[in-house]
C-alpha atoms as a PDB file:
ATOM      1  CA  MET A   1      40.019 -57.145  -1.121  1.00  0.00           C
ATOM      2  CA  GLY A   2      39.043 -53.497  -1.907  1.00  0.00           C
ATOM      3  CA  LYS A   3      37.276 -51.218   0.211  1.00  0.00           C
ATOM      4  CA  SER A   4      33.793 -50.306  -0.755  1.00  0.00           C
ATOM      5  CA  GLN A   5      33.421 -46.802  -2.480  1.00  0.00           C
ATOM      6  CA  GLU A   6      30.227 -45.949  -0.870  1.00  0.00           C
ATOM      7  CA  THR A   7      30.527 -43.953   2.308  1.00  0.00           C
ATOM      8  CA  PHE A   8      28.201 -43.644   5.087  1.00  0.00           C
ATOM      9  CA  GLY A   9      26.911 -40.216   4.054  1.00  0.00           C
ATOM     10  CA  LYS A  10      26.341 -41.355   0.456  1.00  0.00           C
ATOM     11  CA  LYS A  11      24.292 -44.399   1.813  1.00  0.00           C
ATOM     12  CA  GLU A  12      22.279 -41.929   3.994  1.00  0.00           C
ATOM     13  CA  LYS A  13      21.524 -39.621   1.098  1.00  0.00           C
ATOM     14  CA  GLU A  14      20.392 -42.428  -1.092  1.00  0.00           C
ATOM     15  CA  LYS A  15      18.104 -43.740   1.703  1.00  0.00           C
ATOM     16  CA  LYS A  16      16.607 -40.319   1.924  1.00  0.00           C
ATOM     17  CA  ARG A  17      16.038 -39.964  -1.646  1.00  0.00           C
ATOM     18  CA  ALA A  18      14.355 -43.392  -1.847  1.00  0.00           C
ATOM     19  CA  THR A  19      12.031 -42.420   0.976  1.00  0.00           C
ATOM     20  CA  GLN A  20      11.148 -39.159  -0.728  1.00  0.00           C
ATOM     21  CA  ARG A  21      10.368 -40.923  -4.012  1.00  0.00           C
ATOM     22  CA  GLN A  22       8.192 -43.395  -2.111  1.00  0.00           C
ATOM     23  CA  ASP A  23       6.305 -40.603  -0.357  1.00  0.00           C
ATOM     24  CA  LYS A  24       5.672 -38.749  -3.557  1.00  0.00           C
ATOM     25  CA  ARG A  25       4.377 -41.955  -5.149  1.00  0.00           C
ATOM     26  CA  GLU A  26       1.866 -42.456  -2.142  1.00  0.00           C
ATOM     27  CA  LYS A  27       0.607 -39.078  -2.309  1.00  0.00           C
ATOM     28  CA  MET A  28       0.085 -39.263  -6.145  1.00  0.00           C
ATOM     29  CA  GLU A  29      -1.895 -42.443  -5.712  1.00  0.00           C
ATOM     30  CA  ALA A  30      -4.045 -40.932  -2.838  1.00  0.00           C
ATOM     31  CA  ARG A  31      -4.863 -37.909  -5.173  1.00  0.00           C
ATOM     32  CA  LYS A  32      -5.838 -40.194  -7.863  1.00  0.00           C
ATOM     33  CA  ALA A  33      -8.045 -42.317  -5.701  1.00  0.00           C
ATOM     34  CA  ASN A  34      -9.702 -39.216  -4.094  1.00  0.00           C
ATOM     35  CA  ALA A  35     -10.111 -37.224  -7.282  1.00  0.00           C
ATOM     36  CA  LYS A  36     -13.661 -36.468  -8.302  1.00  0.00           C
ATOM     37  CA  LYS A  37     -13.939 -36.859 -11.983  1.00  0.00           C
ATOM     38  CA  GLY A  38     -16.999 -35.743 -14.064  1.00  0.00           C
ATOM     39  CA  LYS A  39     -18.291 -32.802 -11.888  1.00  0.00           C
ATOM     40  CA  SER A  40     -21.573 -31.382 -13.237  1.00  0.00           C
ATOM     41  CA  LEU A  41     -21.778 -27.977 -14.654  1.00  0.00           C
ATOM     42  CA  GLU A  42     -23.728 -26.713 -11.651  1.00  0.00           C
ATOM     43  CA  GLU A  43     -21.015 -27.865  -9.335  1.00  0.00           C
ATOM     44  CA  MET A  44     -18.395 -25.792 -11.384  1.00  0.00           C
ATOM     45  CA  MET A  45     -20.523 -22.726 -11.741  1.00  0.00           C
ATOM     46  CA  ALA A  46     -19.854 -19.534  -9.711  1.00  0.00           C
ATOM     47  CA  TYR A  47     -22.186 -16.652  -9.401  1.00  0.00           C
ATOM     48  CA  LEU A  48     -21.814 -12.949  -8.490  1.00  0.00           C
ATOM     49  CA  ASP A  49     -24.337 -11.419  -5.899  1.00  0.00           C
ATOM     50  CA  GLU A  50     -25.458  -7.911  -6.036  1.00  0.00           C
ATOM     51  CA  ASN A  51     -22.347  -6.762  -3.937  1.00  0.00           C
ATOM     52  CA  GLY A  52     -19.936  -8.426  -6.287  1.00  0.00           C
ATOM     53  CA  ASN A  53     -19.040 -11.285  -4.129  1.00  0.00           C
ATOM     54  CA  LEU A  54     -18.678 -14.827  -5.321  1.00  0.00           C
ATOM     55  CA  SER A  55     -21.503 -17.387  -4.218  1.00  0.00           C
ATOM     56  CA  SER A  56     -22.587 -20.926  -5.259  1.00  0.00           C
ATOM     57  CA  THR A  57     -26.248 -19.905  -5.519  1.00  0.00           C
ATOM     58  CA  PRO A  58     -27.603 -17.987  -8.434  1.00  0.00           C
ATOM     59  CA  PRO A  59     -28.814 -14.454  -7.868  1.00  0.00           C
ATOM     60  CA  ASP A  60     -32.343 -13.624  -7.244  1.00  0.00           C
ATOM     61  CA  PRO A  61     -33.762 -12.145 -10.446  1.00  0.00           C
ATOM     62  CA  ARG A  62     -36.072  -9.744  -8.506  1.00  0.00           C
ATOM     63  CA  ASN A  63     -32.956  -8.000  -7.213  1.00  0.00           C
ATOM     64  CA  ARG A  64     -31.835  -7.229 -10.791  1.00  0.00           C
ATOM     65  CA  ARG A  65     -30.985  -3.584 -11.668  1.00  0.00           C
ATOM     66  CA  ILE A  66     -30.783  -2.204 -15.124  1.00  0.00           C
ATOM     67  CA  PHE A  67     -28.210   0.270 -16.015  1.00  0.00           C
ATOM     68  CA  LYS A  68     -28.166   2.654 -18.851  1.00  0.00           C
ATOM     69  CA  GLN A  69     -24.986   2.961 -20.959  1.00  0.00           C
ATOM     70  CA  GLU A  70     -24.907   6.812 -20.544  1.00  0.00           C
ATOM     71  CA  ASP A  71     -24.925   6.333 -16.817  1.00  0.00           C
ATOM     72  CA  MET A  72     -21.523   4.340 -16.740  1.00  0.00           C
ATOM     73  CA  SER A  73     -18.291   6.105 -16.679  1.00  0.00           C
ATOM     74  CA  ILE A  74     -15.237   4.231 -17.769  1.00  0.00           C
ATOM     75  CA  SER A  75     -12.658   7.035 -17.334  1.00  0.00           C
ATOM     76  CA  ILE A  76     -11.556   8.936 -14.335  1.00  0.00           C
ATOM     77  CA  PRO A  77     -14.109  11.615 -13.366  1.00  0.00           C
ATOM     78  CA  LYS A  78     -12.869  15.304 -13.969  1.00  0.00           C
ATOM     79  CA  GLN A  79     -12.092  17.114 -10.834  1.00  0.00           C
ATOM     80  CA  GLU A  80     -14.113  20.059  -9.732  1.00  0.00           C
ATOM     81  CA  LYS A  81     -12.688  23.384 -10.102  1.00  0.00           C
ATOM     82  CA  ARG A  82     -11.899  24.811  -6.648  1.00  0.00           C
ATOM     83  CA  GLU A  83     -10.922  28.175  -5.586  1.00  0.00           C
ATOM     84  CA  PRO A  84      -7.018  28.247  -5.169  1.00  0.00           C
ATOM     85  CA  GLU A  85      -5.962  28.400  -1.675  1.00  0.00           C
ATOM     86  CA  ASP A  86      -4.192  31.286  -0.195  1.00  0.00           C
ATOM     87  CA  PRO A  87      -0.522  30.407  -0.623  1.00  0.00           C
ATOM     88  CA  THR A  88       0.612  32.453   2.476  1.00  0.00           C
ATOM     89  CA  ARG A  89      -0.086  30.886   5.786  1.00  0.00           C
ATOM     90  CA  THR A  90       0.515  31.777   9.422  1.00  0.00           C
ATOM     91  CA  GLY A  91       2.117  29.836  12.248  1.00  0.00           C
ATOM     92  CA  VAL A  92       4.205  29.577  15.362  1.00  0.00           C
ATOM     93  CA  VAL A  93       7.931  28.438  15.490  1.00  0.00           C
ATOM     94  CA  THR A  94       7.987  25.428  17.796  1.00  0.00           C
ATOM     95  CA  TYR A  95      11.644  24.830  17.286  1.00  0.00           C
ATOM     96  CA  PHE A  96      14.591  26.748  15.804  1.00  0.00           C
ATOM     97  CA  SER A  97      18.267  26.167  16.091  1.00  0.00           C
ATOM     98  CA  GLU A  98      20.698  28.819  14.737  1.00  0.00           C
ATOM     99  CA  SER A  99      23.798  26.590  15.095  1.00  0.00           C
ATOM    100  CA  LYS A 100      21.995  23.903  13.072  1.00  0.00           C
ATOM    101  CA  GLY A 101      20.317  26.217  10.720  1.00  0.00           C
ATOM    102  CA  PHE A 102      16.876  24.611  10.632  1.00  0.00           C
ATOM    103  CA  GLY A 103      13.593  24.484  12.643  1.00  0.00           C
ATOM    104  CA  PHE A 104      10.076  23.733  12.546  1.00  0.00           C
ATOM    105  CA  ILE A 105       6.672  25.923  12.278  1.00  0.00           C
ATOM    106  CA  LYS A 106       3.347  24.638  13.316  1.00  0.00           C
ATOM    107  CA  ASP A 107       0.837  25.718  10.903  1.00  0.00           C
ATOM    108  CA  SER A 108      -2.292  27.458  12.482  1.00  0.00           C
ATOM    109  CA  LEU A 109      -4.797  26.010  10.064  1.00  0.00           C
ATOM    110  CA  SER A 110      -3.584  22.249   9.798  1.00  0.00           C
ATOM    111  CA  GLN A 111      -1.562  22.121  12.870  1.00  0.00           C
ATOM    112  CA  GLU A 112       1.035  20.127  11.045  1.00  0.00           C
ATOM    113  CA  SER A 113       4.696  20.593  11.585  1.00  0.00           C
ATOM    114  CA  ILE A 114       6.560  22.328   8.602  1.00  0.00           C
ATOM    115  CA  PHE A 115      10.343  22.263   8.216  1.00  0.00           C
ATOM    116  CA  VAL A 116      11.990  25.631   7.707  1.00  0.00           C
ATOM    117  CA  HIS A 117      15.738  26.312   6.729  1.00  0.00           C
ATOM    118  CA  VAL A 118      17.660  29.290   7.721  1.00  0.00           C
ATOM    119  CA  ASN A 119      18.070  30.112   3.842  1.00  0.00           C
ATOM    120  CA  GLN A 120      14.362  30.787   3.577  1.00  0.00           C
ATOM    121  CA  LEU A 121      14.282  33.428   6.365  1.00  0.00           C
ATOM    122  CA  SER A 122      14.089  37.120   5.622  1.00  0.00           C
ATOM    123  CA  GLU A 123      14.901  37.989   9.159  1.00  0.00           C
ATOM    124  CA  ARG A 124      15.896  36.285  12.184  1.00  0.00           C
ATOM    125  CA  ILE A 125      13.333  34.293  14.246  1.00  0.00           C
ATOM    126  CA  GLY A 126      13.266  32.513  17.521  1.00  0.00           C
ATOM    127  CA  GLU A 127      10.913  29.982  19.238  1.00  0.00           C
ATOM    128  CA  HIS A 128       7.304  31.060  19.820  1.00  0.00           C
ATOM    129  CA  ASP A 129       7.627  33.675  17.193  1.00  0.00           C
ATOM    130  CA  LYS A 130       4.430  34.133  14.801  1.00  0.00           C
ATOM    131  CA  VAL A 131       5.554  34.051  11.193  1.00  0.00           C
ATOM    132  CA  GLN A 132       4.040  34.204   7.792  1.00  0.00           C
ATOM    133  CA  PHE A 133       5.280  31.704   5.160  1.00  0.00           C
ATOM    134  CA  GLU A 134       4.345  29.795   1.816  1.00  0.00           C
ATOM    135  CA  VAL A 135       4.323  25.955   1.913  1.00  0.00           C
ATOM    136  CA  LYS A 136       6.106  23.853  -0.895  1.00  0.00           C
ATOM    137  CA  SER A 137       6.691  20.251  -1.241  1.00  0.00           C
ATOM    138  CA  GLY A 138      10.204  19.206  -0.437  1.00  0.00           C
ATOM    139  CA  PRO A 139      11.863  15.770  -0.788  1.00  0.00           C
ATOM    140  CA  LYS A 140      10.863  14.718   2.741  1.00  0.00           C
ATOM    141  CA  GLY A 141       7.628  16.594   3.215  1.00  0.00           C
ATOM    142  CA  PRO A 142       6.198  20.199   3.340  1.00  0.00           C
ATOM    143  CA  VAL A 143       8.799  22.940   3.557  1.00  0.00           C
ATOM    144  CA  ALA A 144       8.317  26.606   4.593  1.00  0.00           C
ATOM    145  CA  TRP A 145       9.359  29.249   2.011  1.00  0.00           C
ATOM    146  CA  GLN A 146       9.779  33.105   2.196  1.00  0.00           C
ATOM    147  CA  VAL A 147       9.389  33.142   6.100  1.00  0.00           C
ATOM    148  CA  LYS A 148       8.699  36.544   7.554  1.00  0.00           C
ATOM    149  CA  LYS A 149       8.004  37.471  11.132  1.00  0.00           C
ATOM    150  CA  ILE A 150       4.694  39.023  11.906  1.00  0.00           C
END
């Protein structure tokens, strides 16, 4: 007599698949039994209140506001013209390493730390020196350019 081709693992997998199929059938039947058919239009309706939030109650017609088409802007508003800022700023060197070739300047206006490289120096600087510089945007943030000692 020959040995059965089904191993214990195969039997267990088949049992697991069968129970999953049965669970799925039971869930589907439960959903069908509990489904509400024929909802009325009022139950399906959603309203927006004056703040733009969804609600199930209709808005009060007394709170209705009328807008003129001319008052609505669809595009991005134009920026107001500002006076150009003075590109030169002043600050104090908080850290500078001659061996590494870089340091940081603390801006006197914004109090932010700005990176400075030795290539942008017109003369040697040290820590706690007051300097004048221009700020440009670098790959990792603001960078000081044309740094001069005051």
